[in-house]
Amino acid sequence: MGKCRNITRLLSDALDRPLTTGEWVAIRLHLPTCSGCRNYRKQIRLLREAAHTMSGISTPGAANGDD
């Protein structure tokens, strides 16, 4: 569970600051094996897009699904 806690923290941090290469590597290695963290990533994307839509701010990458 400690690894998931770290990964979800990094996914949240990525909304506020650029992650290091090492942090992205940790995320990319963990996500294929953890449906809980993949679901968390989807949920925070959805929440971010909804907040941006409600505020009128365009979301970078929203048109093509990139993040």
PDB file of N, CA and C in Angstrom:
ATOM      1  N   MET A   1       0.813  -1.200   0.000  1.00  0.00           N
ATOM      2  CA  MET A   1       0.000   0.000   0.000  1.00  0.00           C
ATOM      3  C   MET A   1       0.853   1.260   0.000  1.00  0.00           C
ATOM      4  N   GLY A   2       2.017   1.197   0.599  1.00  0.00           N
ATOM      5  CA  GLY A   2       2.900   2.360   0.629  1.00  0.00           C
ATOM      6  C   GLY A   2       3.274   2.826  -0.756  1.00  0.00           C
ATOM      7  N   LYS A   3       3.491   1.880  -1.679  1.00  0.00           N
ATOM      8  CA  LYS A   3       3.837   2.252  -3.041  1.00  0.00           C
ATOM      9  C   LYS A   3       2.681   2.990  -3.702  1.00  0.00           C
ATOM     10  N   CYS A   4       1.454   2.518  -3.507  1.00  0.00           N
ATOM     11  CA  CYS A   4       0.283   3.187  -4.079  1.00  0.00           C
ATOM     12  C   CYS A   4       0.130   4.586  -3.499  1.00  0.00           C
ATOM     13  N   ARG A   5       0.368   4.730  -2.217  1.00  0.00           N
ATOM     14  CA  ARG A   5       0.275   6.053  -1.588  1.00  0.00           C
ATOM     15  C   ARG A   5       1.264   7.014  -2.250  1.00  0.00           C
ATOM     16  N   ASN A   6       2.471   6.540  -2.516  1.00  0.00           N
ATOM     17  CA  ASN A   6       3.484   7.368  -3.162  1.00  0.00           C
ATOM     18  C   ASN A   6       3.072   7.717  -4.598  1.00  0.00           C
ATOM     19  N   ILE A   7       2.552   6.756  -5.330  1.00  0.00           N
ATOM     20  CA  ILE A   7       2.170   6.983  -6.725  1.00  0.00           C
ATOM     21  C   ILE A   7       0.996   7.951  -6.808  1.00  0.00           C
ATOM     22  N   THR A   8      -0.015   7.783  -5.953  1.00  0.00           N
ATOM     23  CA  THR A   8      -1.142   8.710  -6.002  1.00  0.00           C
ATOM     24  C   THR A   8      -0.708  10.119  -5.604  1.00  0.00           C
ATOM     25  N   ARG A   9       0.235  10.225  -4.681  1.00  0.00           N
ATOM     26  CA  ARG A   9       0.768  11.544  -4.325  1.00  0.00           C
ATOM     27  C   ARG A   9       1.451  12.181  -5.527  1.00  0.00           C
ATOM     28  N   LEU A  10       2.252  11.371  -6.251  1.00  0.00           N
ATOM     29  CA  LEU A  10       2.934  11.888  -7.436  1.00  0.00           C
ATOM     30  C   LEU A  10       1.941  12.306  -8.523  1.00  0.00           C
ATOM     31  N   LEU A  11       0.898  11.519  -8.707  1.00  0.00           N
ATOM     32  CA  LEU A  11      -0.118  11.875  -9.703  1.00  0.00           C
ATOM     33  C   LEU A  11      -0.778  13.197  -9.337  1.00  0.00           C
ATOM     34  N   SER A  12      -1.037  13.411  -8.073  1.00  0.00           N
ATOM     35  CA  SER A  12      -1.605  14.681  -7.620  1.00  0.00           C
ATOM     36  C   SER A  12      -0.590  15.814  -7.762  1.00  0.00           C
ATOM     37  N   ASP A  13       0.655  15.547  -7.398  1.00  0.00           N
ATOM     38  CA  ASP A  13       1.706  16.564  -7.519  1.00  0.00           C
ATOM     39  C   ASP A  13       1.877  17.018  -8.962  1.00  0.00           C
ATOM     40  N   ALA A  14       1.686  16.098  -9.896  1.00  0.00           N
ATOM     41  CA  ALA A  14       1.875  16.424 -11.316  1.00  0.00           C
ATOM     42  C   ALA A  14       0.904  17.510 -11.783  1.00  0.00           C
ATOM     43  N   LEU A  15      -0.186  17.702 -11.052  1.00  0.00           N
ATOM     44  CA  LEU A  15      -1.125  18.763 -11.399  1.00  0.00           C
ATOM     45  C   LEU A  15      -0.575  20.137 -11.025  1.00  0.00           C
ATOM     46  N   ASP A  16       0.346  20.174 -10.065  1.00  0.00           N
ATOM     47  CA  ASP A  16       0.840  21.439  -9.527  1.00  0.00           C
ATOM     48  C   ASP A  16       2.281  21.775  -9.891  1.00  0.00           C
ATOM     49  N   ARG A  17       3.041  20.758 -10.259  1.00  0.00           N
ATOM     50  CA  ARG A  17       4.467  21.007 -10.545  1.00  0.00           C
ATOM     51  C   ARG A  17       4.968  19.981 -11.549  1.00  0.00           C
ATOM     52  N   PRO A  18       6.049  20.325 -12.257  1.00  0.00           N
ATOM     53  CA  PRO A  18       6.651  19.328 -13.150  1.00  0.00           C
ATOM     54  C   PRO A  18       7.317  18.229 -12.328  1.00  0.00           C
ATOM     55  N   LEU A  19       7.083  16.991 -12.719  1.00  0.00           N
ATOM     56  CA  LEU A  19       7.726  15.872 -12.030  1.00  0.00           C
ATOM     57  C   LEU A  19       9.101  15.613 -12.630  1.00  0.00           C
ATOM     58  N   THR A  20       9.967  15.018 -11.823  1.00  0.00           N
ATOM     59  CA  THR A  20      11.289  14.648 -12.316  1.00  0.00           C
ATOM     60  C   THR A  20      11.166  13.408 -13.199  1.00  0.00           C
ATOM     61  N   THR A  21      12.202  13.137 -13.936  1.00  0.00           N
ATOM     62  CA  THR A  21      12.217  11.934 -14.766  1.00  0.00           C
ATOM     63  C   THR A  21      12.045  10.691 -13.911  1.00  0.00           C
ATOM     64  N   GLY A  22      12.712  10.646 -12.783  1.00  0.00           N
ATOM     65  CA  GLY A  22      12.601   9.503 -11.888  1.00  0.00           C
ATOM     66  C   GLY A  22      11.186   9.301 -11.367  1.00  0.00           C
ATOM     67  N   GLU A  23      10.497  10.398 -11.080  1.00  0.00           N
ATOM     68  CA  GLU A  23       9.116  10.307 -10.616  1.00  0.00           C
ATOM     69  C   GLU A  23       8.211   9.752 -11.709  1.00  0.00           C
ATOM     70  N   TRP A  24       8.405  10.227 -12.958  1.00  0.00           N
ATOM     71  CA  TRP A  24       7.603   9.710 -14.072  1.00  0.00           C
ATOM     72  C   TRP A  24       7.900   8.230 -14.313  1.00  0.00           C
ATOM     73  N   VAL A  25       9.148   7.837 -14.181  1.00  0.00           N
ATOM     74  CA  VAL A  25       9.503   6.423 -14.362  1.00  0.00           C
ATOM     75  C   VAL A  25       8.786   5.569 -13.315  1.00  0.00           C
ATOM     76  N   ALA A  26       8.784   6.031 -12.068  1.00  0.00           N
ATOM     77  CA  ALA A  26       8.100   5.284 -11.004  1.00  0.00           C
ATOM     78  C   ALA A  26       6.617   5.118 -11.327  1.00  0.00           C
ATOM     79  N   ILE A  27       5.994   6.179 -11.817  1.00  0.00           N
ATOM     80  CA  ILE A  27       4.575   6.113 -12.184  1.00  0.00           C
ATOM     81  C   ILE A  27       4.369   5.141 -13.331  1.00  0.00           C
ATOM     82  N   ARG A  28       5.176   5.272 -14.368  1.00  0.00           N
ATOM     83  CA  ARG A  28       5.014   4.427 -15.554  1.00  0.00           C
ATOM     84  C   ARG A  28       5.270   2.948 -15.272  1.00  0.00           C
ATOM     85  N   LEU A  29       6.123   2.653 -14.328  1.00  0.00           N
ATOM     86  CA  LEU A  29       6.373   1.258 -13.962  1.00  0.00           C
ATOM     87  C   LEU A  29       5.246   0.691 -13.098  1.00  0.00           C
ATOM     88  N   HIS A  30       4.629   1.536 -12.298  1.00  0.00           N
ATOM     89  CA  HIS A  30       3.608   1.077 -11.364  1.00  0.00           C
ATOM     90  C   HIS A  30       2.225   0.934 -12.006  1.00  0.00           C
ATOM     91  N   LEU A  31       1.843   1.881 -12.844  1.00  0.00           N
ATOM     92  CA  LEU A  31       0.474   1.898 -13.364  1.00  0.00           C
ATOM     93  C   LEU A  31       0.035   0.635 -14.108  1.00  0.00           C
ATOM     94  N   PRO A  32       0.878   0.006 -14.915  1.00  0.00           N
ATOM     95  CA  PRO A  32       0.404  -1.194 -15.621  1.00  0.00           C
ATOM     96  C   PRO A  32      -0.015  -2.336 -14.689  1.00  0.00           C
ATOM     97  N   THR A  33       0.480  -2.331 -13.477  1.00  0.00           N
ATOM     98  CA  THR A  33       0.182  -3.434 -12.562  1.00  0.00           C
ATOM     99  C   THR A  33      -0.830  -3.077 -11.483  1.00  0.00           C
ATOM    100  N   CYS A  34      -1.349  -1.842 -11.488  1.00  0.00           N
ATOM    101  CA  CYS A  34      -2.216  -1.418 -10.385  1.00  0.00           C
ATOM    102  C   CYS A  34      -3.473  -0.722 -10.899  1.00  0.00           C
ATOM    103  N   SER A  35      -4.568  -1.444 -10.902  1.00  0.00           N
ATOM    104  CA  SER A  35      -5.825  -0.865 -11.385  1.00  0.00           C
ATOM    105  C   SER A  35      -6.322   0.246 -10.470  1.00  0.00           C
ATOM    106  N   GLY A  36      -6.034   0.175  -9.184  1.00  0.00           N
ATOM    107  CA  GLY A  36      -6.454   1.229  -8.261  1.00  0.00           C
ATOM    108  C   GLY A  36      -5.819   2.567  -8.595  1.00  0.00           C
ATOM    109  N   CYS A  37      -4.536   2.564  -8.873  1.00  0.00           N
ATOM    110  CA  CYS A  37      -3.842   3.810  -9.222  1.00  0.00           C
ATOM    111  C   CYS A  37      -4.247   4.300 -10.615  1.00  0.00           C
ATOM    112  N   ARG A  38      -4.505   3.365 -11.533  1.00  0.00           N
ATOM    113  CA  ARG A  38      -5.006   3.774 -12.854  1.00  0.00           C
ATOM    114  C   ARG A  38      -6.368   4.444 -12.716  1.00  0.00           C
ATOM    115  N   ASN A  39      -7.222   3.897 -11.868  1.00  0.00           N
ATOM    116  CA  ASN A  39      -8.533   4.500 -11.635  1.00  0.00           C
ATOM    117  C   ASN A  39      -8.397   5.871 -10.981  1.00  0.00           C
ATOM    118  N   TYR A  40      -7.474   6.005 -10.046  1.00  0.00           N
ATOM    119  CA  TYR A  40      -7.231   7.298  -9.402  1.00  0.00           C
ATOM    120  C   TYR A  40      -6.806   8.331 -10.446  1.00  0.00           C
ATOM    121  N   ARG A  41      -5.912   7.937 -11.342  1.00  0.00           N
ATOM    122  CA  ARG A  41      -5.456   8.851 -12.393  1.00  0.00           C
ATOM    123  C   ARG A  41      -6.634   9.299 -13.258  1.00  0.00           C
ATOM    124  N   LYS A  42      -7.507   8.380 -13.626  1.00  0.00           N
ATOM    125  CA  LYS A  42      -8.688   8.731 -14.422  1.00  0.00           C
ATOM    126  C   LYS A  42      -9.596   9.693 -13.661  1.00  0.00           C
ATOM    127  N   GLN A  43      -9.773   9.450 -12.368  1.00  0.00           N
ATOM    128  CA  GLN A  43     -10.649  10.294 -11.564  1.00  0.00           C
ATOM    129  C   GLN A  43     -10.116  11.709 -11.433  1.00  0.00           C
ATOM    130  N   ILE A  44      -8.815  11.862 -11.197  1.00  0.00           N
ATOM    131  CA  ILE A  44      -8.299  13.229 -11.061  1.00  0.00           C
ATOM    132  C   ILE A  44      -8.307  13.952 -12.404  1.00  0.00           C
ATOM    133  N   ARG A  45      -8.123  13.219 -13.513  1.00  0.00           N
ATOM    134  CA  ARG A  45      -8.251  13.843 -14.835  1.00  0.00           C
ATOM    135  C   ARG A  45      -9.665  14.355 -15.050  1.00  0.00           C
ATOM    136  N   LEU A  46     -10.646  13.514 -14.725  1.00  0.00           N
ATOM    137  CA  LEU A  46     -12.040  13.887 -14.882  1.00  0.00           C
ATOM    138  C   LEU A  46     -12.382  15.109 -14.031  1.00  0.00           C
ATOM    139  N   LEU A  47     -11.939  15.113 -12.786  1.00  0.00           N
ATOM    140  CA  LEU A  47     -12.198  16.245 -11.904  1.00  0.00           C
ATOM    141  C   LEU A  47     -11.540  17.524 -12.419  1.00  0.00           C
ATOM    142  N   ARG A  48     -10.303  17.405 -12.914  1.00  0.00           N
ATOM    143  CA  ARG A  48      -9.602  18.576 -13.437  1.00  0.00           C
ATOM    144  C   ARG A  48     -10.320  19.126 -14.656  1.00  0.00           C
ATOM    145  N   GLU A  49     -10.721  18.231 -15.570  1.00  0.00           N
ATOM    146  CA  GLU A  49     -11.421  18.674 -16.772  1.00  0.00           C
ATOM    147  C   GLU A  49     -12.768  19.301 -16.426  1.00  0.00           C
ATOM    148  N   ALA A  50     -13.489  18.735 -15.455  1.00  0.00           N
ATOM    149  CA  ALA A  50     -14.771  19.298 -15.042  1.00  0.00           C
ATOM    150  C   ALA A  50     -14.575  20.683 -14.421  1.00  0.00           C
ATOM    151  N   ALA A  51     -13.561  20.834 -13.599  1.00  0.00           N
ATOM    152  CA  ALA A  51     -13.293  22.131 -12.973  1.00  0.00           C
ATOM    153  C   ALA A  51     -12.928  23.169 -14.024  1.00  0.00           C
ATOM    154  N   HIS A  52     -12.119  22.768 -14.988  1.00  0.00           N
ATOM    155  CA  HIS A  52     -11.736  23.701 -16.047  1.00  0.00           C
ATOM    156  C   HIS A  52     -12.935  24.069 -16.913  1.00  0.00           C
ATOM    157  N   THR A  53     -13.787  23.109 -17.192  1.00  0.00           N
ATOM    158  CA  THR A  53     -14.980  23.374 -17.990  1.00  0.00           C
ATOM    159  C   THR A  53     -15.888  24.363 -17.263  1.00  0.00           C
ATOM    160  N   MET A  54     -16.084  24.141 -15.992  1.00  0.00           N
ATOM    161  CA  MET A  54     -16.950  25.026 -15.203  1.00  0.00           C
ATOM    162  C   MET A  54     -16.364  26.428 -15.082  1.00  0.00           C
ATOM    163  N   SER A  55     -15.047  26.551 -15.070  1.00  0.00           N
ATOM    164  CA  SER A  55     -14.414  27.859 -14.925  1.00  0.00           C
ATOM    165  C   SER A  55     -14.168  28.534 -16.269  1.00  0.00           C
ATOM    166  N   GLY A  56     -14.363  27.787 -17.360  1.00  0.00           N
ATOM    167  CA  GLY A  56     -14.141  28.363 -18.684  1.00  0.00           C
ATOM    168  C   GLY A  56     -12.694  28.314 -19.146  1.00  0.00           C
ATOM    169  N   ILE A  57     -11.845  27.643 -18.390  1.00  0.00           N
ATOM    170  CA  ILE A  57     -10.432  27.503 -18.755  1.00  0.00           C
ATOM    171  C   ILE A  57     -10.294  26.292 -19.656  1.00  0.00           C
ATOM    172  N   SER A  58      -9.584  26.437 -20.780  1.00  0.00           N
ATOM    173  CA  SER A  58      -9.391  25.281 -21.648  1.00  0.00           C
ATOM    174  C   SER A  58      -8.337  24.368 -21.031  1.00  0.00           C
ATOM    175  N   THR A  59      -8.516  23.073 -21.214  1.00  0.00           N
ATOM    176  CA  THR A  59      -7.606  22.075 -20.675  1.00  0.00           C
ATOM    177  C   THR A  59      -6.615  21.672 -21.743  1.00  0.00           C
ATOM    178  N   PRO A  60      -5.304  21.882 -21.534  1.00  0.00           N
ATOM    179  CA  PRO A  60      -4.320  21.445 -22.529  1.00  0.00           C
ATOM    180  C   PRO A  60      -4.403  19.950 -22.731  1.00  0.00           C
ATOM    181  N   GLY A  61      -4.440  19.533 -23.983  1.00  0.00           N
ATOM    182  CA  GLY A  61      -4.457  18.112 -24.299  1.00  0.00           C
ATOM    183  C   GLY A  61      -5.831  17.483 -24.241  1.00  0.00           C
ATOM    184  N   ALA A  62      -6.853  18.225 -23.858  1.00  0.00           N
ATOM    185  CA  ALA A  62      -8.184  17.643 -23.721  1.00  0.00           C
ATOM    186  C   ALA A  62      -8.736  17.175 -25.053  1.00  0.00           C
ATOM    187  N   ALA A  63      -8.404  17.878 -26.123  1.00  0.00           N
ATOM    188  CA  ALA A  63      -8.935  17.502 -27.433  1.00  0.00           C
ATOM    189  C   ALA A  63      -8.379  16.187 -27.931  1.00  0.00           C
ATOM    190  N   ASN A  64      -7.123  15.899 -27.589  1.00  0.00           N
ATOM    191  CA  ASN A  64      -6.516  14.667 -28.094  1.00  0.00           C
ATOM    192  C   ASN A  64      -6.222  13.646 -27.002  1.00  0.00           C
ATOM    193  N   GLY A  65      -6.639  13.921 -25.759  1.00  0.00           N
ATOM    194  CA  GLY A  65      -6.481  12.946 -24.692  1.00  0.00           C
ATOM    195  C   GLY A  65      -5.095  12.879 -24.078  1.00  0.00           C
ATOM    196  N   ASP A  66      -4.191  13.780 -24.470  1.00  0.00           N
ATOM    197  CA  ASP A  66      -2.835  13.782 -23.910  1.00  0.00           C
ATOM    198  C   ASP A  66      -2.829  14.445 -22.555  1.00  0.00           C
ATOM    199  N   ASP A  67      -1.843  14.083 -21.762  1.00  0.00           N
ATOM    200  CA  ASP A  67      -1.610  14.750 -20.472  1.00  0.00           C
ATOM    201  C   ASP A  67      -0.181  14.716 -20.109  1.00  0.00           C
TER     202      ASP A  67
END
